[in-house]
Amino acid sequence: MTTNMFARLCMEGQPLPEEENDPSRGVCPFWVDDKCSIYDVRPLGCRAFLSTVSC
């Protein structure tokens, strides 16, 4: 699901579909030493990423 699709569903009050994590995709290449190495300049997709775990 794209960020725009996610935003549209939220704005319309629609339920969000469940998505499975595909471990074959690996971790983010910018995740270094247990933190985001580009946090200050991260793209919108990262800024909009939701987590159920408190950072």
Protein backbone atom coordinates (compact mmCIF):
# COMPACT_ATOMS: atom_id res chain seq x y z
CA MET A 1 0.00 0.00 0.00
CA THR A 2 1.32 3.40 -0.90
CA THR A 3 1.40 6.33 1.52
CA ASN A 4 -1.27 8.08 -0.58
CA MET A 5 -3.56 5.04 -0.47
CA PHE A 6 -3.08 4.85 3.30
CA ALA A 7 -3.88 8.55 3.72
CA ARG A 8 -6.99 8.28 1.52
CA LEU A 9 -8.38 5.38 3.55
CA CYS A 10 -7.72 7.23 6.80
CA MET A 11 -9.37 10.42 5.54
CA GLU A 12 -12.41 8.45 4.39
CA GLY A 13 -12.64 6.61 7.71
CA GLN A 14 -12.20 3.29 5.94
CA PRO A 15 -10.65 0.25 7.65
CA LEU A 16 -7.03 -0.40 6.84
CA PRO A 17 -6.20 -3.79 5.32
CA GLU A 18 -3.84 -6.07 7.18
CA GLU A 19 -0.46 -6.38 5.53
CA GLU A 20 2.05 -9.12 6.07
CA ASN A 21 5.69 -8.32 6.57
CA ASP A 22 7.82 -10.05 3.97
CA PRO A 23 11.07 -10.99 5.72
CA SER A 24 12.73 -11.72 2.38
CA ARG A 25 12.83 -7.96 1.76
CA GLY A 26 15.26 -7.54 4.66
CA VAL A 27 15.64 -4.53 6.89
CA CYS A 28 15.87 -0.92 5.82
CA PRO A 29 19.33 -0.24 4.35
CA PHE A 30 19.50 2.96 6.41
CA TRP A 31 18.98 1.11 9.72
CA VAL A 32 22.50 1.19 11.21
CA ASP A 33 23.51 0.33 14.79
CA ASP A 34 19.85 -0.01 15.85
CA LYS A 35 18.86 3.47 14.65
CA CYS A 36 17.90 5.36 11.52
CA SER A 37 21.02 6.80 9.92
CA ILE A 38 19.03 9.36 7.86
CA TYR A 39 16.43 10.32 10.48
CA ASP A 40 16.81 14.10 10.05
CA VAL A 41 16.30 13.88 6.26
CA ARG A 42 14.10 10.76 6.02
CA PRO A 43 11.51 10.70 3.20
CA LEU A 44 7.76 11.14 3.69
CA GLY A 45 7.15 7.40 3.52
CA CYS A 46 9.36 6.95 6.56
CA ARG A 47 7.87 9.94 8.36
CA ALA A 48 4.38 8.52 7.87
CA PHE A 49 5.37 5.01 8.96
CA LEU A 50 3.34 3.85 11.93
CA SER A 51 4.54 1.54 14.67
CA THR A 52 2.89 -0.21 17.59
CA VAL A 53 6.22 -0.05 19.45
CA SER A 54 7.19 3.13 21.26
CA CYS A 55 10.52 4.48 20.01
